[in-house]
């Protein structure tokens, strides 16, 4: 059931803590000369008449995913290109540091607005996910976030739960987490312009919001990717329709203009893929937007020139580019990686005479959320408070590993481990289970050997397992013919997955060759597919374990939505926990899988 549209409730902002230490800020791609008269006033002190041009600071970030604590491993680092062309990695992220960086960035900027590009919640670590992301909303309120678009993960628990995060109230099942204290909801509006209630045909949340200060007006339109139903469980998007991003933005940009708002920023939860993973890579080299590809390029090229900048997300990439609008005029397009490791600082020069942004004067750069600044005390208190509630569950050991189990690669050791766990659990439910398949997007983190707390090296805690698999999908069993099974493997590289393959992680016993030098379905070498050494029989029936997201046809695997003889089991994290407890101990830890089930030709 979809959420009923709710009015945004204005509440007094939290007092900003202005930390004294200076942060590291490395300028990205886009810098241009500002109009000479930019500033709040051209008069001497004491005169209030503003000048024609006013610089508006737009701070933005995206894809936080409830990462309140500093992310571990590669998820907590960014790559920086050095002046000599070499690269180095920098530890980054954590809301204690993000708060300090944002507060420092706002110092001296009377006209400052903070926006987010979606996926603030969902796929969150235990400290947030265990409490239905209430801790993250509380943190975002303390960060003085002004506005955010929804992302696909905002719908993980459905539109009604998203409505609760916006307006407040205790969870309908789990209740209030602190006795006598009701969850207050978000101080900022979530925007969902292209997400409609199937029955009313109206947005489930506000489509846009206007920031105003001393006659300066900037409108924000928020959309998520149109393909959200393809990357979220069917239950999460039940009763909702997702419309085209460009058509929606253009519609509301025109509506804002009719209201006299001519400066517009689109918050788009869809993104691009820069040619380099370094956050300070110049994606405008050799020309505007030449160093970036992906869905956001077509969106940016078609969004109306009424929109002055696009804050994007979803791909977890970092970029500050210009991409020409339909009139051929350069326009800023930004993304600040993920997990709170970066924030973007964009200067929008507002022309008071026209009410529009002087686009030739836009400057934008990504900045690292380094951990060498003082921690924000209010965020430390928040983390401590919620960790205290989570500790009895999160600190419980659920297994032992002999080394890091990586989640990186076309086939990853973490993917193999999860698939093996689901196969073992499937055999408990039905001894006839033959294999298991796991979607790569459902693997949110690696397991690291080094201890994160007092548990000791090699110990896997429930909190770590939760970070890997936070979605609470069930493990489902379904029957497929051999022909259907082959088709499933081909859907990894065809249809919606043709341009960007989604390679399923496979359980032990299933092997095949993936030839990426070929195109389309031919990339899956059919004759190479073996199950326990035997060729797949097209007419035979195979019992397959997968999570409920895949079993519903998610990620473009439509054939997986056509299985028969369904059996729904426990959640996927419980399956992983059971497997680790059965197959590892302190004296005999489990070794990282070799990730050699898929032979990849490149």
Protein backbone atom coordinates (compact mmCIF):
# COMPACT_ATOMS: atom_id res chain seq x y z
CA UNK A 1 0.00 0.00 0.00
CA UNK A 2 1.32 3.43 -0.84
CA UNK A 3 1.84 6.28 1.57
CA UNK A 4 -0.58 9.17 1.79
CA UNK A 5 1.05 12.47 0.80
CA UNK A 6 1.97 14.40 3.92
CA UNK A 7 2.83 18.08 4.36
CA UNK A 8 6.41 18.89 5.22
CA UNK A 9 6.61 19.95 8.86
CA UNK A 10 8.93 22.88 9.49
CA UNK A 11 10.73 22.67 12.81
CA UNK A 12 13.46 24.74 14.33
CA UNK A 13 16.86 23.74 13.04
CA UNK A 14 19.42 22.31 15.38
CA UNK A 15 22.16 24.69 16.44
CA UNK A 16 25.17 24.32 14.22
CA UNK A 17 28.47 23.39 15.79
CA UNK A 18 31.22 25.30 14.00
CA UNK A 19 34.42 23.32 14.46
CA UNK A 20 37.69 25.21 14.37
CA UNK A 21 40.03 22.88 12.52
CA UNK A 22 40.39 23.24 8.76
CA UNK A 23 39.54 20.25 6.56
CA UNK A 24 41.21 18.93 3.45
CA UNK A 25 39.48 20.12 0.24
CA UNK A 26 40.74 19.15 -3.17
CA UNK A 27 39.20 21.03 -6.08
CA UNK A 28 37.62 18.93 -8.85
CA UNK A 29 36.90 19.69 -12.43
CA UNK A 30 34.70 22.74 -12.81
CA UNK A 31 35.89 26.25 -11.98
CA UNK A 32 34.90 29.46 -13.75
CA UNK A 33 35.22 33.20 -13.09
CA UNK A 34 32.46 34.74 -10.95
CA UNK A 35 30.74 38.03 -11.84
CA UNK A 36 32.68 40.89 -10.30
CA UNK A 37 29.67 42.01 -8.27
CA UNK A 38 28.87 38.65 -6.72
CA UNK A 39 28.15 38.95 -3.01
CA UNK A 40 25.43 39.91 -0.57
CA UNK A 41 25.80 43.68 -0.97
CA UNK A 42 27.62 46.26 -3.03
CA UNK A 43 27.04 48.95 -0.39
CA UNK A 44 29.20 49.96 2.54
CA UNK A 45 28.60 48.30 5.94
CA UNK A 46 25.30 49.39 7.40
CA UNK A 47 23.48 49.51 4.07
CA UNK A 48 21.06 46.61 3.45
CA UNK A 49 20.49 46.91 -0.29
CA UNK A 50 21.79 43.70 -1.90
CA UNK A 51 23.89 43.61 -5.03
CA UNK A 52 22.73 42.11 -8.28
CA UNK A 53 24.59 38.82 -7.86
CA UNK A 54 24.44 36.59 -4.81
CA UNK A 55 26.55 33.47 -4.36
CA UNK A 56 24.54 30.55 -3.01
CA UNK A 57 26.51 27.67 -1.54
CA UNK A 58 25.03 24.27 -2.41
CA UNK A 59 26.47 21.45 -0.31
CA UNK A 60 25.42 17.99 -1.40
CA UNK A 61 26.03 14.29 -0.88
CA UNK A 62 24.32 11.03 -1.84
CA UNK A 63 24.05 7.31 -1.11
CA UNK A 64 24.82 7.50 2.61
CA UNK A 65 23.06 4.15 3.19
CA UNK A 66 22.97 4.65 6.95
CA UNK A 67 26.76 4.61 7.30
CA UNK A 68 26.90 6.57 10.53
CA UNK A 69 30.19 5.03 11.63
CA UNK A 70 33.29 5.22 9.41
CA UNK A 71 32.98 2.46 6.79
CA UNK A 72 35.65 -0.25 6.93
CA UNK A 73 37.98 -1.54 4.23
CA UNK A 74 37.79 -0.13 0.72
CA UNK A 75 34.28 1.19 1.44
CA UNK A 76 35.92 3.69 3.79
CA UNK A 77 38.58 5.01 1.43
CA UNK A 78 38.72 7.27 -1.62
CA UNK A 79 41.35 7.49 -4.35
CA UNK A 80 43.07 10.80 -5.06
CA UNK A 81 45.13 11.69 -8.12
CA UNK A 82 48.38 13.42 -7.18
CA UNK A 83 50.01 16.27 -9.16
CA UNK A 84 52.55 13.84 -10.62
CA UNK A 85 49.80 11.53 -11.90
CA UNK A 86 50.17 8.86 -9.22
CA UNK A 87 47.31 8.00 -6.88
CA UNK A 88 46.91 7.51 -3.16
CA UNK A 89 44.04 6.39 -0.96
CA UNK A 90 42.59 8.42 1.89
CA UNK A 91 40.50 7.10 4.77
CA UNK A 92 37.14 8.84 4.61
CA UNK A 93 33.61 8.85 5.96
CA UNK A 94 31.69 8.74 9.22
CA UNK A 95 29.00 11.23 10.24
CA UNK A 96 31.10 12.52 13.14
CA UNK A 97 33.53 13.82 10.53
CA UNK A 98 30.93 14.65 7.86
CA UNK A 99 29.18 16.94 10.35
CA UNK A 100 32.41 18.77 11.12
CA UNK A 101 33.30 19.19 7.44
CA UNK A 102 29.85 20.50 6.51
CA UNK A 103 29.78 22.90 9.44
CA UNK A 104 33.21 24.22 8.55
CA UNK A 105 32.20 24.60 4.90
CA UNK A 106 29.18 26.71 5.90
CA UNK A 107 31.25 29.16 7.93
CA UNK A 108 31.06 32.61 6.38
CA UNK A 109 28.38 31.53 3.87
CA UNK A 110 25.12 33.21 4.83
CA UNK A 111 23.40 31.74 1.76
CA UNK A 112 23.98 28.01 2.16
CA UNK A 113 21.65 25.10 1.39
CA UNK A 114 22.36 21.38 1.85
CA UNK A 115 20.78 18.76 -0.41
CA UNK A 116 21.05 15.00 -0.89
CA UNK A 117 20.64 12.76 -3.92
CA UNK A 118 18.82 9.80 -2.39
CA UNK A 119 19.59 6.45 -0.74
CA UNK A 120 20.16 8.10 2.61
CA UNK A 121 18.72 4.94 4.15
CA UNK A 122 18.42 1.30 3.14
CA UNK A 123 21.12 -1.37 2.91
CA UNK A 124 22.35 0.17 6.16
CA UNK A 125 24.74 -1.21 8.78
CA UNK A 126 23.26 -2.66 11.95
CA UNK A 127 23.39 0.57 13.97
CA UNK A 128 20.79 2.05 11.62
CA UNK A 129 19.18 -0.91 9.85
CA UNK A 130 18.25 -2.69 13.07
CA UNK A 131 16.11 0.33 13.99
CA UNK A 132 14.48 0.86 10.59
CA UNK A 133 16.93 3.72 9.89
CA UNK A 134 15.57 6.05 12.55
CA UNK A 135 19.17 6.77 13.69
CA UNK A 136 20.11 7.96 10.19
CA UNK A 137 17.13 10.31 9.95
CA UNK A 138 18.10 11.71 13.34
CA UNK A 139 21.68 12.20 12.12
CA UNK A 140 20.54 13.91 8.91
CA UNK A 141 18.44 16.30 10.99
CA UNK A 142 21.52 17.16 13.04
CA UNK A 143 23.50 17.65 9.80
CA UNK A 144 20.98 20.37 8.88
CA UNK A 145 20.04 18.62 5.65
CA UNK A 146 17.54 20.88 3.89
CA UNK A 147 16.13 18.57 1.21
CA UNK A 148 16.65 15.14 -0.38
CA UNK A 149 15.34 13.19 -3.31
CA UNK A 150 14.22 9.65 -2.67
CA UNK A 151 16.40 6.84 -3.97
CA UNK A 152 15.45 3.28 -4.77
CA UNK A 153 16.50 2.12 -1.29
CA UNK A 154 14.07 4.51 0.36
CA UNK A 155 11.45 2.00 -0.87
CA UNK A 156 13.07 -1.14 0.61
CA UNK A 157 10.39 -1.29 3.30
CA UNK A 158 7.61 0.20 1.18
CA UNK A 159 6.02 3.61 0.69
CA UNK A 160 4.14 3.55 3.99
CA UNK A 161 7.40 3.14 5.92
CA UNK A 162 8.97 5.93 3.85
CA UNK A 163 6.03 8.10 4.82
CA UNK A 164 6.75 7.31 8.48
CA UNK A 165 10.39 8.34 8.09
CA UNK A 166 9.14 11.65 6.71
CA UNK A 167 6.40 12.45 9.20
CA UNK A 168 7.41 10.49 12.31
CA UNK A 169 5.72 8.00 14.58
CA UNK A 170 6.87 4.72 16.06
CA UNK A 171 7.30 1.61 13.93
CA UNK A 172 4.00 -0.26 13.48
CA UNK A 173 5.54 -3.59 14.47
CA UNK A 174 8.62 -2.85 16.59
CA UNK A 175 7.16 0.20 18.30
CA UNK A 176 9.24 2.91 19.95
CA UNK A 177 12.88 2.11 20.67
CA UNK A 178 13.15 4.52 23.59
CA UNK A 179 10.41 4.30 26.20
CA UNK A 180 8.12 7.31 26.09
CA UNK A 181 9.93 8.89 23.13
CA UNK A 182 8.19 9.06 19.77
CA UNK A 183 10.26 9.13 16.57
CA UNK A 184 10.00 12.66 15.21
CA UNK A 185 10.65 12.00 11.51
CA UNK A 186 12.70 14.06 9.07
CA UNK A 187 13.15 17.82 9.47
CA UNK A 188 13.76 17.96 5.71
CA UNK A 189 11.36 17.15 2.88
CA UNK A 190 11.88 13.97 0.90
CA UNK A 191 11.02 14.67 -2.76
CA UNK A 192 9.48 12.00 -5.00
CA UNK A 193 8.21 13.78 -8.09
CA UNK A 194 8.19 10.70 -10.34
CA UNK A 195 6.78 8.21 -7.80
CA UNK A 196 2.99 8.09 -8.08
CA UNK A 197 0.27 6.29 -6.20
CA UNK A 198 -1.29 3.88 -8.70
CA UNK A 199 -4.80 4.81 -7.58
CA UNK A 200 -4.59 8.59 -7.16
CA UNK A 201 -1.92 9.16 -9.87
CA UNK A 202 -0.34 11.74 -7.54
CA UNK A 203 3.19 11.80 -6.07
CA UNK A 204 3.42 9.89 -2.81
CA UNK A 205 5.55 12.71 -1.37
CA UNK A 206 6.24 16.33 -2.35
CA UNK A 207 7.54 16.69 -5.92
CA UNK A 208 9.53 19.86 -5.28
CA UNK A 209 10.58 22.33 -2.60
CA UNK A 210 11.72 25.97 -2.76
CA UNK A 211 14.55 27.37 -0.67
CA UNK A 212 14.14 31.07 0.05
CA UNK A 213 16.33 33.69 1.70
CA UNK A 214 16.19 37.49 1.39
CA UNK A 215 14.54 37.38 -2.00
CA UNK A 216 16.71 34.55 -3.35
CA UNK A 217 14.65 31.53 -4.47
CA UNK A 218 16.03 28.16 -5.60
CA UNK A 219 13.69 25.30 -6.43
CA UNK A 220 14.59 21.64 -5.93
CA UNK A 221 12.91 18.79 -7.85
CA UNK A 222 13.57 15.25 -6.62
CA UNK A 223 13.29 12.05 -8.67
CA UNK A 224 14.55 8.50 -8.41
CA UNK A 225 15.46 6.20 -11.26
CA UNK A 226 12.53 5.03 -13.35
CA UNK A 227 13.79 1.44 -13.04
CA UNK A 228 13.36 1.38 -9.26
CA UNK A 229 10.90 -1.58 -9.54
CA UNK A 230 13.72 -3.56 -11.19
CA UNK A 231 16.12 -3.06 -8.28
CA UNK A 232 13.74 -3.18 -5.29
CA UNK A 233 11.65 -6.10 -4.07
CA UNK A 234 8.15 -6.25 -5.51
CA UNK A 235 6.63 -5.74 -2.07
CA UNK A 236 8.56 -2.50 -1.59
CA UNK A 237 7.06 -0.85 -4.68
CA UNK A 238 3.59 -2.34 -4.45
CA UNK A 239 0.93 0.19 -5.43
CA UNK A 240 3.46 2.60 -6.97
CA UNK A 241 4.21 3.82 -10.49
CA UNK A 242 7.63 5.21 -11.44
CA UNK A 243 7.64 7.75 -14.26
CA UNK A 244 10.37 8.90 -16.65
CA UNK A 245 12.95 11.11 -14.92
CA UNK A 246 13.34 13.67 -17.72
CA UNK A 247 9.62 14.13 -18.40
CA UNK A 248 8.95 14.56 -14.68
CA UNK A 249 11.73 17.09 -14.10
CA UNK A 250 10.70 19.10 -17.15
CA UNK A 251 7.07 19.13 -16.00
CA UNK A 252 7.85 20.51 -12.56
CA UNK A 253 10.54 22.92 -13.78
CA UNK A 254 7.83 24.52 -15.91
CA UNK A 255 5.49 24.60 -12.91
CA UNK A 256 8.16 26.27 -10.77
CA UNK A 257 8.74 28.87 -13.45
CA UNK A 258 5.03 29.69 -13.44
CA UNK A 259 5.42 30.32 -9.71
CA UNK A 260 8.27 32.73 -10.36
CA UNK A 261 11.07 30.31 -9.44
CA UNK A 262 13.64 30.44 -12.24
CA UNK A 263 16.63 28.90 -10.42
CA UNK A 264 16.18 25.13 -10.24
CA UNK A 265 18.33 22.19 -9.09
CA UNK A 266 17.31 18.62 -9.94
CA UNK A 267 18.11 15.95 -7.35
CA UNK A 268 18.30 12.81 -9.47
CA UNK A 269 18.88 9.37 -8.00
CA UNK A 270 20.49 8.06 -11.14
CA UNK A 271 24.12 8.40 -12.04
CA UNK A 272 27.10 8.09 -14.30
CA UNK A 273 30.36 6.22 -14.56
CA UNK A 274 33.50 8.37 -14.80
CA UNK A 275 36.52 6.99 -16.63
CA UNK A 276 38.53 7.07 -13.39
CA UNK A 277 37.58 6.08 -9.85
CA UNK A 278 39.63 8.94 -8.40
CA UNK A 279 37.31 11.49 -6.83
CA UNK A 280 39.28 14.42 -8.28
CA UNK A 281 39.45 13.05 -11.84
CA UNK A 282 38.72 15.73 -14.44
CA UNK A 283 35.71 14.24 -16.22
CA UNK A 284 35.57 17.33 -18.46
CA UNK A 285 38.81 16.35 -20.16
CA UNK A 286 39.29 16.84 -23.05
CA UNK A 287 35.78 18.39 -23.36
CA UNK A 288 32.68 18.89 -21.25
CA UNK A 289 31.48 15.55 -19.90
CA UNK A 290 33.77 13.54 -22.20
CA UNK A 291 35.06 11.51 -19.27
CA UNK A 292 31.72 10.21 -18.05
CA UNK A 293 29.21 7.68 -19.38
CA UNK A 294 26.08 6.00 -18.08
CA UNK A 295 22.38 6.87 -17.74
CA UNK A 296 22.91 10.34 -16.30
CA UNK A 297 24.47 11.56 -19.55
CA UNK A 298 21.27 11.08 -21.55
CA UNK A 299 19.20 12.49 -18.70
CA UNK A 300 21.38 15.60 -18.44
CA UNK A 301 21.30 16.14 -22.20
CA UNK A 302 17.49 16.09 -22.23
CA UNK A 303 16.47 17.85 -19.02
CA UNK A 304 15.13 21.33 -19.80
CA UNK A 305 17.54 24.29 -19.71
CA UNK A 306 15.27 25.70 -16.96
CA UNK A 307 17.25 23.41 -14.62
CA UNK A 308 20.60 24.93 -13.62
CA UNK A 309 22.37 21.96 -12.00
CA UNK A 310 21.91 18.25 -11.36
CA UNK A 311 22.90 16.56 -8.10
CA UNK A 312 22.96 12.84 -8.83
CA UNK A 313 23.69 9.46 -7.21
CA UNK A 314 22.98 5.72 -7.39
CA UNK A 315 26.25 4.64 -9.06
CA UNK A 316 28.33 5.49 -5.97
CA UNK A 317 30.76 7.33 -8.24
CA UNK A 318 32.45 10.71 -7.74
CA UNK A 319 32.35 13.43 -10.36
CA UNK A 320 31.89 17.17 -10.90
CA UNK A 321 31.31 17.56 -14.62
CA UNK A 322 29.61 19.77 -17.15
CA UNK A 323 27.23 18.19 -19.65
CA UNK A 324 25.52 20.35 -22.25
CA UNK A 325 21.78 20.91 -21.84
CA UNK A 326 19.43 20.67 -24.86
CA UNK A 327 20.32 24.23 -25.88
CA UNK A 328 24.03 23.39 -25.98
CA UNK A 329 24.85 25.30 -22.81
CA UNK A 330 27.16 23.64 -20.22
CA UNK A 331 25.47 22.56 -16.99
CA UNK A 332 26.92 21.20 -13.75
CA UNK A 333 26.34 17.51 -12.93
CA UNK A 334 27.74 16.18 -9.65
CA UNK A 335 27.91 13.07 -7.48
CA UNK A 336 29.74 12.60 -4.17
CA UNK A 337 30.56 8.88 -4.19
CA UNK A 338 28.81 7.09 -1.29
CA UNK A 339 28.77 6.28 2.42
CA UNK A 340 29.51 9.89 3.42
CA UNK A 341 33.09 9.77 2.12
CA UNK A 342 32.75 12.97 0.07
CA UNK A 343 30.61 16.06 -0.12
CA UNK A 344 30.23 18.43 -3.06
CA UNK A 345 30.54 22.20 -2.67
CA UNK A 346 28.91 24.06 -5.57
CA UNK A 347 28.64 27.82 -5.90
CA UNK A 348 25.47 28.93 -7.69
CA UNK A 349 25.63 32.61 -8.58
CA UNK A 350 22.08 33.96 -8.38
CA UNK A 351 21.13 36.93 -10.52
CA UNK A 352 18.63 39.01 -8.52
CA UNK A 353 17.59 40.91 -11.63
CA UNK A 354 16.54 37.80 -13.60
CA UNK A 355 15.92 35.37 -10.74
CA UNK A 356 18.09 32.83 -12.52
CA UNK A 357 21.51 31.29 -12.01
CA UNK A 358 24.39 32.81 -13.98
CA UNK A 359 25.56 29.46 -15.31
CA UNK A 360 28.89 30.75 -16.60
CA UNK A 361 29.78 31.49 -12.99
CA UNK A 362 29.08 28.05 -11.49
CA UNK A 363 31.97 26.40 -9.65
CA UNK A 364 31.84 22.88 -8.20
CA UNK A 365 34.23 20.46 -6.53
CA UNK A 366 34.17 17.30 -4.45
CA UNK A 367 35.85 17.35 -1.03
CA UNK A 368 37.05 14.42 1.07
CA UNK A 369 35.42 13.78 4.44
CA UNK A 370 38.78 13.17 6.08
CA UNK A 371 39.07 11.76 9.57
CA UNK A 372 41.75 14.20 10.72
CA UNK A 373 39.24 16.79 11.94
CA UNK A 374 37.56 16.87 15.36
CA UNK A 375 34.58 14.59 15.75
CA UNK A 376 31.24 16.37 16.12
CA UNK A 377 30.23 15.69 19.75
CA UNK A 378 26.51 15.50 18.98
CA UNK A 379 27.15 12.77 16.41
CA UNK A 380 29.40 10.87 18.81
CA UNK A 381 26.60 10.97 21.37
CA UNK A 382 24.08 9.74 18.78
CA UNK A 383 26.29 6.83 17.68
CA UNK A 384 27.05 5.83 21.27
CA UNK A 385 23.38 5.89 22.21
CA UNK A 386 22.22 3.72 19.32
CA UNK A 387 25.22 1.37 19.56
CA UNK A 388 24.34 0.74 23.20
CA UNK A 389 20.90 -0.44 22.10
CA UNK A 390 22.33 -2.54 19.26
CA UNK A 391 25.30 -4.08 21.13
CA UNK A 392 23.60 -7.14 22.66
CA UNK A 393 22.62 -8.29 19.18
CA UNK A 394 25.45 -6.89 17.09
CA UNK A 395 28.37 -8.19 19.16
CA UNK A 396 27.26 -11.82 19.02
CA UNK A 397 29.84 -14.00 17.17
CA UNK A 398 28.34 -15.93 14.26
CA UNK A 399 31.48 -17.41 12.71
CA UNK A 400 35.21 -17.36 12.13
CA UNK A 401 37.30 -16.60 9.02
CA UNK A 402 40.99 -17.10 8.27
CA UNK A 403 41.34 -14.04 6.06
CA UNK A 404 39.49 -11.21 4.36
CA UNK A 405 36.53 -12.40 2.27
CA UNK A 406 36.31 -9.86 -0.52
CA UNK A 407 33.12 -8.71 -2.20
CA UNK A 408 35.00 -7.34 -5.21
CA UNK A 409 35.24 -8.90 -8.66
CA UNK A 410 32.91 -10.38 -11.27
CA UNK A 411 32.78 -13.47 -9.09
CA UNK A 412 33.65 -12.67 -5.50
CA UNK A 413 34.64 -14.85 -2.55
CA UNK A 414 31.83 -13.22 -0.56
CA UNK A 415 29.36 -14.06 -3.32
CA UNK A 416 30.47 -17.69 -3.33
CA UNK A 417 30.17 -17.90 0.45
CA UNK A 418 26.62 -16.52 0.44
CA UNK A 419 25.56 -18.82 -2.41
CA UNK A 420 26.99 -21.82 -0.57
CA UNK A 421 25.15 -20.78 2.59
CA UNK A 422 21.87 -20.52 0.71
CA UNK A 423 22.42 -23.91 -0.96
CA UNK A 424 23.07 -25.52 2.43
CA UNK A 425 19.98 -23.88 3.90
CA UNK A 426 17.95 -24.88 0.84
CA UNK A 427 18.96 -28.51 1.33
CA UNK A 428 17.68 -28.29 4.92
CA UNK A 429 14.31 -27.14 3.60
CA UNK A 430 14.32 -29.62 0.71
CA UNK A 431 17.13 -32.20 0.25
CA UNK A 432 16.44 -32.04 -3.48
CA UNK A 433 17.82 -28.48 -3.78
CA UNK A 434 20.43 -28.43 -6.56
CA UNK A 435 22.02 -24.98 -6.58
CA UNK A 436 21.81 -21.41 -5.34
CA UNK A 437 22.10 -18.05 -7.10
CA UNK A 438 22.88 -14.70 -5.47
CA UNK A 439 22.58 -11.21 -6.99
CA UNK A 440 25.80 -9.17 -6.72
CA UNK A 441 23.94 -5.99 -5.72
CA UNK A 442 22.67 -7.71 -2.59
CA UNK A 443 26.24 -8.10 -1.27
CA UNK A 444 26.86 -4.81 0.48
CA UNK A 445 30.29 -5.33 2.06
CA UNK A 446 33.17 -7.78 2.51
CA UNK A 447 34.04 -9.62 5.70
CA UNK A 448 37.37 -8.40 7.07
CA UNK A 449 39.73 -10.46 9.19
CA UNK A 450 40.85 -7.55 11.37
CA UNK A 451 38.65 -6.98 14.40
CA UNK A 452 36.40 -3.93 14.34
CA UNK A 453 35.95 -3.96 18.11
CA UNK A 454 36.82 -6.19 21.03
CA UNK A 455 35.71 -9.42 19.34
CA UNK A 456 39.19 -10.41 18.15
CA UNK A 457 40.69 -10.94 14.70
CA UNK A 458 38.87 -13.41 12.47
CA UNK A 459 35.63 -13.27 14.44
CA UNK A 460 32.52 -12.51 12.39
CA UNK A 461 29.90 -10.70 14.44
CA UNK A 462 26.20 -10.45 13.72
CA UNK A 463 26.71 -6.74 13.02
CA UNK A 464 29.29 -7.57 10.34
CA UNK A 465 26.99 -10.14 8.79
CA UNK A 466 24.15 -7.61 8.85
CA UNK A 467 26.33 -5.11 6.99
CA UNK A 468 26.93 -7.71 4.27
CA UNK A 469 23.25 -8.71 3.92
CA UNK A 470 20.97 -6.03 5.39
CA UNK A 471 17.83 -6.49 3.27
CA UNK A 472 16.01 -9.19 5.24
CA UNK A 473 15.18 -11.07 2.04
CA UNK A 474 13.89 -14.60 2.53
CA UNK A 475 15.59 -17.62 0.96
CA UNK A 476 13.12 -19.07 -1.54
CA UNK A 477 13.15 -22.41 -3.38
CA UNK A 478 11.71 -22.75 -6.90
CA UNK A 479 11.69 -25.36 -9.67
CA UNK A 480 13.03 -24.53 -13.15
CA UNK A 481 13.69 -26.55 -16.26
CA UNK A 482 17.25 -26.83 -17.47
CA UNK A 483 16.32 -24.61 -20.41
CA UNK A 484 15.06 -21.96 -17.99
CA UNK A 485 18.24 -22.21 -15.93
CA UNK A 486 20.35 -21.57 -19.02
CA UNK A 487 18.09 -18.63 -19.88
CA UNK A 488 18.64 -17.19 -16.39
CA UNK A 489 22.40 -17.22 -16.95
CA UNK A 490 21.94 -15.53 -20.32
CA UNK A 491 19.83 -12.80 -18.69
CA UNK A 492 22.99 -11.75 -16.86
CA UNK A 493 24.24 -10.22 -20.13
CA UNK A 494 21.07 -9.52 -22.14
CA UNK A 495 17.95 -7.37 -21.87
CA UNK A 496 18.30 -4.69 -19.22
CA UNK A 497 21.68 -6.19 -18.25
CA UNK A 498 23.19 -6.08 -21.75
CA UNK A 499 25.11 -2.83 -21.30
CA UNK A 500 26.16 -3.50 -17.71
CA UNK A 501 26.16 -7.25 -16.95
CA UNK A 502 24.90 -8.42 -13.56
CA UNK A 503 26.80 -11.64 -12.97
CA UNK A 504 25.08 -13.90 -10.47
CA UNK A 505 27.16 -15.49 -7.74
CA UNK A 506 26.85 -19.27 -7.88
CA UNK A 507 27.04 -22.08 -5.36
CA UNK A 508 29.65 -24.81 -5.36
CA UNK A 509 29.14 -27.34 -8.14
CA UNK A 510 27.84 -24.92 -10.80
CA UNK A 511 30.51 -23.93 -13.33
CA UNK A 512 30.54 -22.26 -16.72
CA UNK A 513 32.52 -19.90 -18.97
CA UNK A 514 31.65 -16.23 -19.42
CA UNK A 515 33.29 -14.89 -22.59
CA UNK A 516 33.18 -11.11 -22.37
CA UNK A 517 34.89 -10.75 -25.76
CA UNK A 518 31.59 -11.79 -27.37
CA UNK A 519 28.30 -9.92 -27.40
CA UNK A 520 24.78 -10.54 -26.12
CA UNK A 521 23.71 -13.99 -24.99
CA UNK A 522 26.76 -15.53 -26.67
CA UNK A 523 28.83 -14.28 -23.75
CA UNK A 524 27.47 -17.21 -21.75
CA UNK A 525 29.07 -20.29 -23.32
CA UNK A 526 26.14 -22.71 -23.15
CA UNK A 527 28.15 -25.87 -23.72
CA UNK A 528 30.36 -25.04 -20.76
CA UNK A 529 27.56 -25.00 -18.16
CA UNK A 530 27.97 -27.90 -15.73
CA UNK A 531 26.33 -28.86 -12.46
CA UNK A 532 28.50 -31.20 -10.43
CA UNK A 533 30.35 -32.05 -13.62
CA UNK A 534 27.26 -32.93 -15.68
CA UNK A 535 25.84 -30.91 -18.56
CA UNK A 536 22.50 -29.18 -17.94
CA UNK A 537 19.58 -31.20 -19.29
CA UNK A 538 17.12 -28.74 -20.88
CA UNK A 539 14.15 -30.97 -20.04
CA UNK A 540 15.13 -31.85 -16.48
CA UNK A 541 13.83 -30.03 -13.37
CA UNK A 542 16.27 -28.24 -11.08
CA UNK A 543 15.51 -26.95 -7.57
CA UNK A 544 17.06 -23.49 -7.14
CA UNK A 545 17.57 -21.43 -4.00
CA UNK A 546 17.67 -17.64 -4.27
CA UNK A 547 16.66 -14.64 -2.22
CA UNK A 548 13.14 -13.27 -2.51
CA UNK A 549 14.33 -10.29 -4.57
CA UNK A 550 15.66 -12.57 -7.32
CA UNK A 551 12.76 -14.99 -6.95
CA UNK A 552 10.49 -12.09 -7.82
CA UNK A 553 12.36 -11.43 -11.07
CA UNK A 554 14.49 -8.56 -9.74
CA UNK A 555 17.57 -7.12 -11.49
CA UNK A 556 16.20 -8.05 -14.92
CA UNK A 557 16.05 -11.80 -14.23
CA UNK A 558 12.50 -12.22 -15.45
CA UNK A 559 12.83 -15.99 -15.80
CA UNK A 560 13.54 -16.28 -12.07
CA UNK A 561 10.08 -14.81 -11.54
CA UNK A 562 8.55 -17.78 -13.41
CA UNK A 563 9.59 -20.60 -11.08
CA UNK A 564 7.13 -23.14 -9.73
CA UNK A 565 6.64 -25.15 -6.54
CA UNK A 566 7.68 -22.18 -4.38
CA UNK A 567 8.83 -22.68 -0.82
CA UNK A 568 9.65 -19.63 1.33
CA UNK A 569 12.24 -20.04 4.06
CA UNK A 570 13.90 -17.86 6.71
CA UNK A 571 15.80 -14.65 5.95
CA UNK A 572 19.10 -14.72 4.10
CA UNK A 573 21.21 -13.45 6.99
CA UNK A 574 19.93 -16.28 9.16
CA UNK A 575 21.06 -18.70 6.43
CA UNK A 576 24.55 -17.15 6.38
CA UNK A 577 24.74 -17.23 10.18
CA UNK A 578 23.71 -20.89 10.30
CA UNK A 579 26.29 -21.80 7.64
CA UNK A 580 29.14 -19.99 9.38
CA UNK A 581 28.31 -21.53 12.76
CA UNK A 582 28.19 -25.01 11.21
CA UNK A 583 31.35 -24.71 9.15
CA UNK A 584 33.76 -22.62 11.24
CA UNK A 585 35.17 -22.36 14.74
CA UNK A 586 37.89 -20.42 16.54
CA UNK A 587 40.35 -23.24 15.89
CA UNK A 588 39.10 -24.09 12.39
CA UNK A 589 38.06 -20.82 10.70
CA UNK A 590 36.55 -20.89 7.24
CA UNK A 591 38.90 -19.92 4.41
CA UNK A 592 37.94 -17.39 1.75
CA UNK A 593 36.45 -19.23 -1.26
CA UNK A 594 38.68 -19.31 -4.34
CA UNK A 595 36.09 -17.61 -6.60
CA UNK A 596 36.92 -19.97 -9.48
CA UNK A 597 33.50 -21.27 -10.46
CA UNK A 598 33.05 -18.90 -13.39
CA UNK A 599 35.80 -18.92 -16.00
CA UNK A 600 35.97 -15.38 -17.33
CA UNK A 601 37.44 -14.63 -20.76
CA UNK A 602 38.23 -10.94 -21.35
